[in-house]
Amino acid sequence: MDWYKTIKRYYDMGLYTKEPESTMYIGNFVVYGKITAEQYETITNEAYTNPKATE
């Protein structure tokens, strides 16, 4: 399975969000190892930062 393509498609459809408080947070896929931080940045046009590391 190409996780990057699937996640990007769902993000583009509005199913995933870049809001860390959301259960549909796209950054969770970086944590789970399904996409890289660079791929997160490509999808969202924002650099990935781990929200749990700032708490």
PDB file of N, CA and C in Angstrom:
ATOM      1  N   MET A   1       0.846  -1.182   0.000  1.00  0.00           N
ATOM      2  CA  MET A   1       0.000   0.000   0.000  1.00  0.00           C
ATOM      3  C   MET A   1       0.889   1.241   0.000  1.00  0.00           C
ATOM      4  N   ASP A   2       0.546   2.211  -0.817  1.00  0.00           N
ATOM      5  CA  ASP A   2       1.268   3.475  -0.856  1.00  0.00           C
ATOM      6  C   ASP A   2       0.578   4.444   0.103  1.00  0.00           C
ATOM      7  N   TRP A   3       1.065   4.485   1.329  1.00  0.00           N
ATOM      8  CA  TRP A   3       0.449   5.307   2.364  1.00  0.00           C
ATOM      9  C   TRP A   3       0.462   6.785   1.994  1.00  0.00           C
ATOM     10  N   TYR A   4       1.560   7.251   1.403  1.00  0.00           N
ATOM     11  CA  TYR A   4       1.651   8.665   1.039  1.00  0.00           C
ATOM     12  C   TYR A   4       0.514   9.062   0.106  1.00  0.00           C
ATOM     13  N   LYS A   5       0.311   8.314  -0.961  1.00  0.00           N
ATOM     14  CA  LYS A   5      -0.742   8.643  -1.929  1.00  0.00           C
ATOM     15  C   LYS A   5      -2.122   8.629  -1.280  1.00  0.00           C
ATOM     16  N   THR A   6      -2.371   7.620  -0.467  1.00  0.00           N
ATOM     17  CA  THR A   6      -3.671   7.489   0.185  1.00  0.00           C
ATOM     18  C   THR A   6      -3.918   8.634   1.163  1.00  0.00           C
ATOM     19  N   ILE A   7      -2.934   8.922   1.993  1.00  0.00           N
ATOM     20  CA  ILE A   7      -3.078   9.986   2.985  1.00  0.00           C
ATOM     21  C   ILE A   7      -3.230  11.338   2.298  1.00  0.00           C
ATOM     22  N   LYS A   8      -2.447  11.591   1.257  1.00  0.00           N
ATOM     23  CA  LYS A   8      -2.551  12.853   0.521  1.00  0.00           C
ATOM     24  C   LYS A   8      -3.927  13.003  -0.109  1.00  0.00           C
ATOM     25  N   ARG A   9      -4.417  11.935  -0.701  1.00  0.00           N
ATOM     26  CA  ARG A   9      -5.747  11.996  -1.336  1.00  0.00           C
ATOM     27  C   ARG A   9      -6.815  12.320  -0.294  1.00  0.00           C
ATOM     28  N   TYR A  10      -6.768  11.636   0.846  1.00  0.00           N
ATOM     29  CA  TYR A  10      -7.760  11.888   1.893  1.00  0.00           C
ATOM     30  C   TYR A  10      -7.620  13.295   2.473  1.00  0.00           C
ATOM     31  N   TYR A  11      -6.388  13.778   2.607  1.00  0.00           N
ATOM     32  CA  TYR A  11      -6.173  15.148   3.084  1.00  0.00           C
ATOM     33  C   TYR A  11      -6.762  16.144   2.090  1.00  0.00           C
ATOM     34  N   ASP A  12      -6.505  15.920   0.817  1.00  0.00           N
ATOM     35  CA  ASP A  12      -7.039  16.807  -0.226  1.00  0.00           C
ATOM     36  C   ASP A  12      -8.569  16.791  -0.254  1.00  0.00           C
ATOM     37  N   MET A  13      -9.167  15.676   0.142  1.00  0.00           N
ATOM     38  CA  MET A  13     -10.624  15.570   0.198  1.00  0.00           C
ATOM     39  C   MET A  13     -11.187  16.217   1.466  1.00  0.00           C
ATOM     40  N   GLY A  14     -10.304  16.600   2.390  1.00  0.00           N
ATOM     41  CA  GLY A  14     -10.746  17.236   3.624  1.00  0.00           C
ATOM     42  C   GLY A  14     -11.040  16.266   4.756  1.00  0.00           C
ATOM     43  N   LEU A  15     -10.623  15.012   4.595  1.00  0.00           N
ATOM     44  CA  LEU A  15     -10.892  14.018   5.631  1.00  0.00           C
ATOM     45  C   LEU A  15      -9.872  14.067   6.768  1.00  0.00           C
ATOM     46  N   TYR A  16      -8.656  14.514   6.475  1.00  0.00           N
ATOM     47  CA  TYR A  16      -7.628  14.676   7.499  1.00  0.00           C
ATOM     48  C   TYR A  16      -7.348  16.157   7.677  1.00  0.00           C
ATOM     49  N   THR A  17      -6.864  16.515   8.854  1.00  0.00           N
ATOM     50  CA  THR A  17      -6.609  17.913   9.184  1.00  0.00           C
ATOM     51  C   THR A  17      -5.185  18.081   9.687  1.00  0.00           C
ATOM     52  N   LYS A  18      -4.701  19.304   9.704  1.00  0.00           N
ATOM     53  CA  LYS A  18      -3.385  19.570  10.281  1.00  0.00           C
ATOM     54  C   LYS A  18      -3.500  20.155  11.685  1.00  0.00           C
ATOM     55  N   GLU A  19      -4.678  20.039  12.281  1.00  0.00           N
ATOM     56  CA  GLU A  19      -4.911  20.497  13.653  1.00  0.00           C
ATOM     57  C   GLU A  19      -4.574  19.364  14.628  1.00  0.00           C
ATOM     58  N   PRO A  20      -3.527  19.528  15.448  1.00  0.00           N
ATOM     59  CA  PRO A  20      -3.094  18.445  16.345  1.00  0.00           C
ATOM     60  C   PRO A  20      -4.152  17.973  17.338  1.00  0.00           C
ATOM     61  N   GLU A  21      -5.127  18.823  17.656  1.00  0.00           N
ATOM     62  CA  GLU A  21      -6.160  18.441  18.625  1.00  0.00           C
ATOM     63  C   GLU A  21      -7.168  17.458  18.035  1.00  0.00           C
ATOM     64  N   SER A  22      -7.204  17.364  16.724  1.00  0.00           N
ATOM     65  CA  SER A  22      -8.191  16.530  16.041  1.00  0.00           C
ATOM     66  C   SER A  22      -7.778  15.061  16.044  1.00  0.00           C
ATOM     67  N   THR A  23      -8.763  14.191  16.123  1.00  0.00           N
ATOM     68  CA  THR A  23      -8.478  12.759  15.997  1.00  0.00           C
ATOM     69  C   THR A  23      -8.093  12.401  14.569  1.00  0.00           C
ATOM     70  N   MET A  24      -8.374  13.294  13.625  1.00  0.00           N
ATOM     71  CA  MET A  24      -8.036  13.069  12.216  1.00  0.00           C
ATOM     72  C   MET A  24      -6.767  13.828  11.821  1.00  0.00           C
ATOM     73  N   TYR A  25      -5.901  14.082  12.786  1.00  0.00           N
ATOM     74  CA  TYR A  25      -4.651  14.819  12.571  1.00  0.00           C
ATOM     75  C   TYR A  25      -3.704  14.031  11.679  1.00  0.00           C
ATOM     76  N   ILE A  26      -3.302  14.628  10.577  1.00  0.00           N
ATOM     77  CA  ILE A  26      -2.436  13.957   9.610  1.00  0.00           C
ATOM     78  C   ILE A  26      -1.049  13.654  10.195  1.00  0.00           C
ATOM     79  N   GLY A  27      -0.620  14.428  11.168  1.00  0.00           N
ATOM     80  CA  GLY A  27       0.671  14.196  11.807  1.00  0.00           C
ATOM     81  C   GLY A  27       0.762  12.866  12.530  1.00  0.00           C
ATOM     82  N   ASN A  28      -0.379  12.280  12.879  1.00  0.00           N
ATOM     83  CA  ASN A  28      -0.358  10.964  13.518  1.00  0.00           C
ATOM     84  C   ASN A  28       0.312   9.929  12.619  1.00  0.00           C
ATOM     85  N   PHE A  29       0.203  10.103  11.312  1.00  0.00           N
ATOM     86  CA  PHE A  29       0.815   9.150  10.392  1.00  0.00           C
ATOM     87  C   PHE A  29       2.337   9.239  10.412  1.00  0.00           C
ATOM     88  N   VAL A  30       2.876  10.397  10.771  1.00  0.00           N
ATOM     89  CA  VAL A  30       4.321  10.520  10.953  1.00  0.00           C
ATOM     90  C   VAL A  30       4.719   9.740  12.199  1.00  0.00           C
ATOM     91  N   VAL A  31       3.961   9.909  13.271  1.00  0.00           N
ATOM     92  CA  VAL A  31       4.226   9.199  14.526  1.00  0.00           C
ATOM     93  C   VAL A  31       4.164   7.689  14.311  1.00  0.00           C
ATOM     94  N   TYR A  32       3.191   7.223  13.528  1.00  0.00           N
ATOM     95  CA  TYR A  32       3.011   5.794  13.275  1.00  0.00           C
ATOM     96  C   TYR A  32       3.990   5.237  12.248  1.00  0.00           C
ATOM     97  N   GLY A  33       4.784   6.118  11.615  1.00  0.00           N
ATOM     98  CA  GLY A  33       5.769   5.664  10.641  1.00  0.00           C
ATOM     99  C   GLY A  33       5.213   5.366   9.259  1.00  0.00           C
ATOM    100  N   LYS A  34       4.039   5.879   8.955  1.00  0.00           N
ATOM    101  CA  LYS A  34       3.421   5.631   7.643  1.00  0.00           C
ATOM    102  C   LYS A  34       3.881   6.636   6.597  1.00  0.00           C
ATOM    103  N   ILE A  35       4.209   7.873   7.022  1.00  0.00           N
ATOM    104  CA  ILE A  35       4.801   8.873   6.140  1.00  0.00           C
ATOM    105  C   ILE A  35       5.943   9.539   6.901  1.00  0.00           C
ATOM    106  N   THR A  36       6.823  10.198   6.168  1.00  0.00           N
ATOM    107  CA  THR A  36       7.936  10.909   6.793  1.00  0.00           C
ATOM    108  C   THR A  36       7.535  12.351   7.093  1.00  0.00           C
ATOM    109  N   ALA A  37       8.363  13.017   7.882  1.00  0.00           N
ATOM    110  CA  ALA A  37       8.130  14.434   8.165  1.00  0.00           C
ATOM    111  C   ALA A  37       8.209  15.253   6.878  1.00  0.00           C
ATOM    112  N   GLU A  38       9.069  14.845   5.960  1.00  0.00           N
ATOM    113  CA  GLU A  38       9.179  15.539   4.673  1.00  0.00           C
ATOM    114  C   GLU A  38       7.902  15.366   3.854  1.00  0.00           C
ATOM    115  N   GLN A  39       7.320  14.178   3.891  1.00  0.00           N
ATOM    116  CA  GLN A  39       6.062  13.947   3.177  1.00  0.00           C
ATOM    117  C   GLN A  39       4.928  14.748   3.816  1.00  0.00           C
ATOM    118  N   TYR A  40       4.919  14.839   5.139  1.00  0.00           N
ATOM    119  CA  TYR A  40       3.934  15.673   5.837  1.00  0.00           C
ATOM    120  C   TYR A  40       4.025  17.103   5.324  1.00  0.00           C
ATOM    121  N   GLU A  41       5.256  17.615   5.211  1.00  0.00           N
ATOM    122  CA  GLU A  41       5.454  18.982   4.739  1.00  0.00           C
ATOM    123  C   GLU A  41       4.982  19.142   3.295  1.00  0.00           C
ATOM    124  N   THR A  42       5.220  18.147   2.460  1.00  0.00           N
ATOM    125  CA  THR A  42       4.766  18.199   1.071  1.00  0.00           C
ATOM    126  C   THR A  42       3.241  18.250   0.997  1.00  0.00           C
ATOM    127  N   ILE A  43       2.585  17.471   1.829  1.00  0.00           N
ATOM    128  CA  ILE A  43       1.121  17.408   1.809  1.00  0.00           C
ATOM    129  C   ILE A  43       0.495  18.694   2.350  1.00  0.00           C
ATOM    130  N   THR A  44       1.011  19.187   3.476  1.00  0.00           N
ATOM    131  CA  THR A  44       0.363  20.304   4.174  1.00  0.00           C
ATOM    132  C   THR A  44       0.983  21.673   3.893  1.00  0.00           C
ATOM    133  N   ASN A  45       2.156  21.688   3.281  1.00  0.00           N
ATOM    134  CA  ASN A  45       2.917  22.933   3.069  1.00  0.00           C
ATOM    135  C   ASN A  45       3.328  23.585   4.384  1.00  0.00           C
ATOM    136  N   GLU A  46       3.462  22.777   5.426  1.00  0.00           N
ATOM    137  CA  GLU A  46       3.941  23.249   6.729  1.00  0.00           C
ATOM    138  C   GLU A  46       4.926  22.228   7.274  1.00  0.00           C
ATOM    139  N   ALA A  47       5.933  22.700   7.977  1.00  0.00           N
ATOM    140  CA  ALA A  47       6.904  21.796   8.583  1.00  0.00           C
ATOM    141  C   ALA A  47       6.234  20.994   9.697  1.00  0.00           C
ATOM    142  N   TYR A  48       6.644  19.734   9.836  1.00  0.00           N
ATOM    143  CA  TYR A  48       6.091  18.882  10.889  1.00  0.00           C
ATOM    144  C   TYR A  48       6.799  19.170  12.204  1.00  0.00           C
ATOM    145  N   THR A  49       6.023  19.356  13.247  1.00  0.00           N
ATOM    146  CA  THR A  49       6.541  19.407  14.611  1.00  0.00           C
ATOM    147  C   THR A  49       5.671  18.490  15.447  1.00  0.00           C
ATOM    148  N   ASN A  50       6.307  17.741  16.313  1.00  0.00           N
ATOM    149  CA  ASN A  50       5.567  16.818  17.163  1.00  0.00           C
ATOM    150  C   ASN A  50       4.878  17.618  18.262  1.00  0.00           C
ATOM    151  N   PRO A  51       3.542  17.694  18.247  1.00  0.00           N
ATOM    152  CA  PRO A  51       2.833  18.505  19.249  1.00  0.00           C
ATOM    153  C   PRO A  51       3.005  17.980  20.668  1.00  0.00           C
ATOM    154  N   LYS A  52       3.249  16.691  20.829  1.00  0.00           N
ATOM    155  CA  LYS A  52       3.421  16.130  22.171  1.00  0.00           C
ATOM    156  C   LYS A  52       4.776  16.525  22.756  1.00  0.00           C
ATOM    157  N   ALA A  53       5.738  16.841  21.907  1.00  0.00           N
ATOM    158  CA  ALA A  53       7.063  17.243  22.372  1.00  0.00           C
ATOM    159  C   ALA A  53       7.056  18.653  22.949  1.00  0.00           C
ATOM    160  N   THR A  54       6.060  19.449  22.604  1.00  0.00           N
ATOM    161  CA  THR A  54       5.993  20.828  23.092  1.00  0.00           C
ATOM    162  C   THR A  54       5.160  20.962  24.359  1.00  0.00           C
ATOM    163  N   GLU A  55       4.563  19.888  24.810  1.00  0.00           N
ATOM    164  CA  GLU A  55       3.720  19.948  26.020  1.00  0.00           C
ATOM    165  C   GLU A  55       4.566  19.930  27.269  1.00  0.00           C
TER     166      GLU A  55
END
